[in-house]
């Protein structure tokens, strides 16, 4: 008697979802494994569905000391409000051992999840500024983002390819270490 194979059903975006772009980074422990686990955690955020994911990239720390980072950018289609999404991201960071030492910026970390943008929303709040105020200064954000959104434009109107080229010319070292989709 033939057995029935369950039909694969692709995850659907929530109704009225907004596209969030999430920057992922880590430079302590097994950074690649941590990013892969964090991507699985992102897929479990309520009222959200995962989208495309860039390759993994290696980058030197910017404005910081420590080992090289492993970075990626992921899409998340979500119905959550910005601060609710931020709090879920921070919970995932804590789950993976992220500590935020008081008064220390850009310290090495087990996991960093940055909400880069949420649709076209612009906001300034004590906890969150959107779009991310320094994303245009970081090749480790823009190169992975360019991979999944090659025609994307920065909030200032510049094409992402021009911004990446300028950052690389300015000396930001970056190398692809794993193919798209992690």
C-alpha atoms as a PDB file:
ATOM      1  CA  UNK A   1       0.000   0.000   0.000  1.00  0.00           C
ATOM      2  CA  UNK A   2       1.548   3.387  -1.008  1.00  0.00           C
ATOM      3  CA  UNK A   3       2.246   5.856   1.731  1.00  0.00           C
ATOM      4  CA  UNK A   4       1.333   9.471   1.354  1.00  0.00           C
ATOM      5  CA  UNK A   5       4.142  11.985   1.474  1.00  0.00           C
ATOM      6  CA  UNK A   6       3.155  15.171   3.257  1.00  0.00           C
ATOM      7  CA  UNK A   7       3.145  18.073   0.856  1.00  0.00           C
ATOM      8  CA  UNK A   8       5.730  20.775   1.558  1.00  0.00           C
ATOM      9  CA  UNK A   9       4.116  24.086   2.362  1.00  0.00           C
ATOM     10  CA  UNK A  10       6.338  27.136   2.120  1.00  0.00           C
ATOM     11  CA  UNK A  11       6.060  29.610   4.990  1.00  0.00           C
ATOM     12  CA  UNK A  12       3.622  32.395   4.163  1.00  0.00           C
ATOM     13  CA  UNK A  13       4.071  36.009   5.035  1.00  0.00           C
ATOM     14  CA  UNK A  14       1.648  37.242   7.644  1.00  0.00           C
ATOM     15  CA  UNK A  15      -1.224  39.346   6.278  1.00  0.00           C
ATOM     16  CA  UNK A  16      -0.269  43.021   5.997  1.00  0.00           C
ATOM     17  CA  UNK A  17       3.351  42.209   6.848  1.00  0.00           C
ATOM     18  CA  UNK A  18       6.120  44.775   6.573  1.00  0.00           C
ATOM     19  CA  UNK A  19       9.596  43.851   5.375  1.00  0.00           C
ATOM     20  CA  UNK A  20      12.206  44.153   8.116  1.00  0.00           C
ATOM     21  CA  UNK A  21      15.904  43.865   7.326  1.00  0.00           C
ATOM     22  CA  UNK A  22      17.971  42.397  10.136  1.00  0.00           C
ATOM     23  CA  UNK A  23      21.760  42.637  10.370  1.00  0.00           C
ATOM     24  CA  UNK A  24      23.405  39.685  12.123  1.00  0.00           C
ATOM     25  CA  UNK A  25      26.924  39.654  13.523  1.00  0.00           C
ATOM     26  CA  UNK A  26      29.087  37.704  15.968  1.00  0.00           C
ATOM     27  CA  UNK A  27      32.779  37.482  16.811  1.00  0.00           C
ATOM     28  CA  UNK A  28      32.946  35.321  19.943  1.00  0.00           C
ATOM     29  CA  UNK A  29      32.614  31.537  20.086  1.00  0.00           C
ATOM     30  CA  UNK A  30      31.524  29.661  16.965  1.00  0.00           C
ATOM     31  CA  UNK A  31      30.179  32.730  15.180  1.00  0.00           C
ATOM     32  CA  UNK A  32      28.957  30.879  12.067  1.00  0.00           C
ATOM     33  CA  UNK A  33      26.993  28.354  14.135  1.00  0.00           C
ATOM     34  CA  UNK A  34      25.564  31.164  16.249  1.00  0.00           C
ATOM     35  CA  UNK A  35      24.343  33.052  13.176  1.00  0.00           C
ATOM     36  CA  UNK A  36      22.742  29.900  11.771  1.00  0.00           C
ATOM     37  CA  UNK A  37      20.980  29.274  15.100  1.00  0.00           C
ATOM     38  CA  UNK A  38      19.884  32.918  15.276  1.00  0.00           C
ATOM     39  CA  UNK A  39      18.328  32.601  11.799  1.00  0.00           C
ATOM     40  CA  UNK A  40      16.290  29.667  13.077  1.00  0.00           C
ATOM     41  CA  UNK A  41      15.243  31.781  16.075  1.00  0.00           C
ATOM     42  CA  UNK A  42      14.198  34.657  13.790  1.00  0.00           C
ATOM     43  CA  UNK A  43      11.898  32.242  11.954  1.00  0.00           C
ATOM     44  CA  UNK A  44      10.064  31.601  15.242  1.00  0.00           C
ATOM     45  CA  UNK A  45       9.259  35.240  16.032  1.00  0.00           C
ATOM     46  CA  UNK A  46       5.463  35.498  16.337  1.00  0.00           C
ATOM     47  CA  UNK A  47       3.473  37.166  13.547  1.00  0.00           C
ATOM     48  CA  UNK A  48       6.540  37.001  11.301  1.00  0.00           C
ATOM     49  CA  UNK A  49       7.928  34.890   8.477  1.00  0.00           C
ATOM     50  CA  UNK A  50      11.503  34.577   7.233  1.00  0.00           C
ATOM     51  CA  UNK A  51      12.565  35.763   3.804  1.00  0.00           C
ATOM     52  CA  UNK A  52      15.839  35.804   1.910  1.00  0.00           C
ATOM     53  CA  UNK A  53      19.189  35.491   3.683  1.00  0.00           C
ATOM     54  CA  UNK A  54      22.570  36.688   2.442  1.00  0.00           C
ATOM     55  CA  UNK A  55      25.791  34.744   2.442  1.00  0.00           C
ATOM     56  CA  UNK A  56      27.979  34.825   5.532  1.00  0.00           C
ATOM     57  CA  UNK A  57      30.742  37.429   5.401  1.00  0.00           C
ATOM     58  CA  UNK A  58      33.917  37.926   7.434  1.00  0.00           C
ATOM     59  CA  UNK A  59      34.788  41.489   8.393  1.00  0.00           C
ATOM     60  CA  UNK A  60      37.305  43.265  10.567  1.00  0.00           C
ATOM     61  CA  UNK A  61      35.818  45.103  13.557  1.00  0.00           C
ATOM     62  CA  UNK A  62      34.863  48.723  12.842  1.00  0.00           C
ATOM     63  CA  UNK A  63      35.492  51.217  15.655  1.00  0.00           C
ATOM     64  CA  UNK A  64      36.316  48.267  17.935  1.00  0.00           C
ATOM     65  CA  UNK A  65      38.932  45.687  18.907  1.00  0.00           C
ATOM     66  CA  UNK A  66      38.728  41.912  18.881  1.00  0.00           C
ATOM     67  CA  UNK A  67      38.506  39.029  16.433  1.00  0.00           C
ATOM     68  CA  UNK A  68      36.933  39.312  12.993  1.00  0.00           C
ATOM     69  CA  UNK A  69      33.155  39.218  12.774  1.00  0.00           C
ATOM     70  CA  UNK A  70      30.881  36.878  10.892  1.00  0.00           C
ATOM     71  CA  UNK A  71      28.005  38.884   9.367  1.00  0.00           C
ATOM     72  CA  UNK A  72      24.823  38.403   7.337  1.00  0.00           C
ATOM     73  CA  UNK A  73      21.569  40.193   6.523  1.00  0.00           C
ATOM     74  CA  UNK A  74      18.159  38.531   6.636  1.00  0.00           C
ATOM     75  CA  UNK A  75      14.659  39.521   5.635  1.00  0.00           C
ATOM     76  CA  UNK A  76      11.794  39.094   8.059  1.00  0.00           C
ATOM     77  CA  UNK A  77       8.203  39.778   7.018  1.00  0.00           C
ATOM     78  CA  UNK A  78       6.454  40.915  10.194  1.00  0.00           C
ATOM     79  CA  UNK A  79       3.268  42.389  11.560  1.00  0.00           C
ATOM     80  CA  UNK A  80       4.987  43.423  14.786  1.00  0.00           C
ATOM     81  CA  UNK A  81       5.446  47.024  15.839  1.00  0.00           C
ATOM     82  CA  UNK A  82       9.058  48.271  15.771  1.00  0.00           C
ATOM     83  CA  UNK A  83       9.738  48.139  19.514  1.00  0.00           C
ATOM     84  CA  UNK A  84       8.063  44.742  19.846  1.00  0.00           C
ATOM     85  CA  UNK A  85      10.310  43.391  17.093  1.00  0.00           C
ATOM     86  CA  UNK A  86      13.362  45.000  18.712  1.00  0.00           C
ATOM     87  CA  UNK A  87      12.545  43.326  22.029  1.00  0.00           C
ATOM     88  CA  UNK A  88      12.260  39.925  20.311  1.00  0.00           C
ATOM     89  CA  UNK A  89      15.665  40.496  18.688  1.00  0.00           C
ATOM     90  CA  UNK A  90      17.178  41.431  22.050  1.00  0.00           C
ATOM     91  CA  UNK A  91      15.694  38.289  23.590  1.00  0.00           C
ATOM     92  CA  UNK A  92      17.385  36.176  20.909  1.00  0.00           C
ATOM     93  CA  UNK A  93      20.675  37.961  21.628  1.00  0.00           C
ATOM     94  CA  UNK A  94      20.355  37.206  25.356  1.00  0.00           C
ATOM     95  CA  UNK A  95      19.481  33.573  24.593  1.00  0.00           C
ATOM     96  CA  UNK A  96      22.818  33.319  22.758  1.00  0.00           C
ATOM     97  CA  UNK A  97      24.784  34.837  25.635  1.00  0.00           C
ATOM     98  CA  UNK A  98      24.879  38.491  24.596  1.00  0.00           C
ATOM     99  CA  UNK A  99      25.876  40.820  27.421  1.00  0.00           C
ATOM    100  CA  UNK A 100      25.796  44.596  27.190  1.00  0.00           C
ATOM    101  CA  UNK A 101      28.434  45.951  29.593  1.00  0.00           C
ATOM    102  CA  UNK A 102      27.373  49.357  30.903  1.00  0.00           C
ATOM    103  CA  UNK A 103      29.224  52.194  29.184  1.00  0.00           C
ATOM    104  CA  UNK A 104      31.000  49.929  26.646  1.00  0.00           C
ATOM    105  CA  UNK A 105      30.139  50.360  22.957  1.00  0.00           C
ATOM    106  CA  UNK A 106      31.147  47.979  20.191  1.00  0.00           C
ATOM    107  CA  UNK A 107      32.466  45.298  22.545  1.00  0.00           C
ATOM    108  CA  UNK A 108      33.078  41.810  21.121  1.00  0.00           C
ATOM    109  CA  UNK A 109      29.855  39.807  21.220  1.00  0.00           C
ATOM    110  CA  UNK A 110      28.371  36.369  20.896  1.00  0.00           C
ATOM    111  CA  UNK A 111      25.511  37.786  18.797  1.00  0.00           C
ATOM    112  CA  UNK A 112      24.381  41.169  17.554  1.00  0.00           C
ATOM    113  CA  UNK A 113      21.009  41.590  15.828  1.00  0.00           C
ATOM    114  CA  UNK A 114      20.355  45.037  14.379  1.00  0.00           C
ATOM    115  CA  UNK A 115      17.002  46.137  13.032  1.00  0.00           C
ATOM    116  CA  UNK A 116      18.256  47.964   9.941  1.00  0.00           C
ATOM    117  CA  UNK A 117      14.908  49.093   8.607  1.00  0.00           C
ATOM    118  CA  UNK A 118      11.226  48.278   8.816  1.00  0.00           C
ATOM    119  CA  UNK A 119       9.613  49.089   5.513  1.00  0.00           C
ATOM    120  CA  UNK A 120       9.987  52.806   4.864  1.00  0.00           C
ATOM    121  CA  UNK A 121       9.379  53.709   8.504  1.00  0.00           C
ATOM    122  CA  UNK A 122      11.432  56.545   9.931  1.00  0.00           C
ATOM    123  CA  UNK A 123      11.490  56.865  13.699  1.00  0.00           C
ATOM    124  CA  UNK A 124      13.621  58.220  16.501  1.00  0.00           C
ATOM    125  CA  UNK A 125      12.996  56.684  19.891  1.00  0.00           C
ATOM    126  CA  UNK A 126      15.247  56.310  22.931  1.00  0.00           C
ATOM    127  CA  UNK A 127      15.517  52.569  22.193  1.00  0.00           C
ATOM    128  CA  UNK A 128      15.473  52.531  18.403  1.00  0.00           C
ATOM    129  CA  UNK A 129      16.275  54.740  15.419  1.00  0.00           C
ATOM    130  CA  UNK A 130      15.067  53.653  11.965  1.00  0.00           C
ATOM    131  CA  UNK A 131      16.539  53.316   9.498  1.00  0.00           C
ATOM    132  CA  UNK A 132      19.669  52.260  11.417  1.00  0.00           C
ATOM    133  CA  UNK A 133      21.724  55.450  11.737  1.00  0.00           C
ATOM    134  CA  UNK A 134      25.136  53.899  10.910  1.00  0.00           C
ATOM    135  CA  UNK A 135      24.250  51.227   8.360  1.00  0.00           C
ATOM    136  CA  UNK A 136      25.524  53.394   5.496  1.00  0.00           C
ATOM    137  CA  UNK A 137      28.985  53.430   7.161  1.00  0.00           C
ATOM    138  CA  UNK A 138      29.327  49.641   7.395  1.00  0.00           C
ATOM    139  CA  UNK A 139      30.429  47.466   4.489  1.00  0.00           C
ATOM    140  CA  UNK A 140      29.581  44.418   6.636  1.00  0.00           C
ATOM    141  CA  UNK A 141      25.937  45.515   6.491  1.00  0.00           C
ATOM    142  CA  UNK A 142      25.735  46.857   2.954  1.00  0.00           C
ATOM    143  CA  UNK A 143      27.561  44.061   1.073  1.00  0.00           C
ATOM    144  CA  UNK A 144      25.275  41.308   2.434  1.00  0.00           C
ATOM    145  CA  UNK A 145      22.260  43.583   1.920  1.00  0.00           C
ATOM    146  CA  UNK A 146      23.330  44.225  -1.681  1.00  0.00           C
ATOM    147  CA  UNK A 147      23.407  40.474  -2.238  1.00  0.00           C
ATOM    148  CA  UNK A 148      19.683  40.097  -1.470  1.00  0.00           C
ATOM    149  CA  UNK A 149      18.573  43.582  -2.640  1.00  0.00           C
ATOM    150  CA  UNK A 150      20.934  44.611  -5.481  1.00  0.00           C
ATOM    151  CA  UNK A 151      18.817  47.596  -6.504  1.00  0.00           C
ATOM    152  CA  UNK A 152      18.317  48.941  -2.964  1.00  0.00           C
ATOM    153  CA  UNK A 153      18.904  52.610  -2.245  1.00  0.00           C
ATOM    154  CA  UNK A 154      20.144  54.039   1.005  1.00  0.00           C
ATOM    155  CA  UNK A 155      17.923  56.530   2.817  1.00  0.00           C
ATOM    156  CA  UNK A 156      20.072  59.335   1.332  1.00  0.00           C
ATOM    157  CA  UNK A 157      19.233  58.077  -2.197  1.00  0.00           C
ATOM    158  CA  UNK A 158      22.616  56.530  -3.078  1.00  0.00           C
ATOM    159  CA  UNK A 159      22.594  53.165  -4.847  1.00  0.00           C
ATOM    160  CA  UNK A 160      23.841  50.383  -2.579  1.00  0.00           C
ATOM    161  CA  UNK A 161      26.542  49.283  -5.063  1.00  0.00           C
ATOM    162  CA  UNK A 162      28.090  52.771  -4.992  1.00  0.00           C
ATOM    163  CA  UNK A 163      28.040  52.834  -1.197  1.00  0.00           C
ATOM    164  CA  UNK A 164      29.685  49.385  -0.915  1.00  0.00           C
ATOM    165  CA  UNK A 165      32.362  50.339  -3.431  1.00  0.00           C
ATOM    166  CA  UNK A 166      33.121  53.535  -1.505  1.00  0.00           C
ATOM    167  CA  UNK A 167      33.419  51.717   1.831  1.00  0.00           C
ATOM    168  CA  UNK A 168      35.717  49.069   0.366  1.00  0.00           C
ATOM    169  CA  UNK A 169      37.848  51.782  -1.250  1.00  0.00           C
ATOM    170  CA  UNK A 170      38.027  53.381   2.193  1.00  0.00           C
ATOM    171  CA  UNK A 171      39.657  50.232   3.584  1.00  0.00           C
ATOM    172  CA  UNK A 172      36.834  48.189   5.114  1.00  0.00           C
ATOM    173  CA  UNK A 173      37.995  44.585   4.706  1.00  0.00           C
ATOM    174  CA  UNK A 174      35.267  42.089   3.831  1.00  0.00           C
ATOM    175  CA  UNK A 175      35.237  38.497   2.521  1.00  0.00           C
ATOM    176  CA  UNK A 176      32.376  36.129   1.642  1.00  0.00           C
ATOM    177  CA  UNK A 177      32.842  32.890   3.598  1.00  0.00           C
ATOM    178  CA  UNK A 178      29.630  30.929   2.924  1.00  0.00           C
ATOM    179  CA  UNK A 179      27.087  31.045   0.110  1.00  0.00           C
ATOM    180  CA  UNK A 180      23.669  32.710   0.267  1.00  0.00           C
ATOM    181  CA  UNK A 181      21.001  31.097   2.364  1.00  0.00           C
ATOM    182  CA  UNK A 182      23.604  30.167   4.979  1.00  0.00           C
END
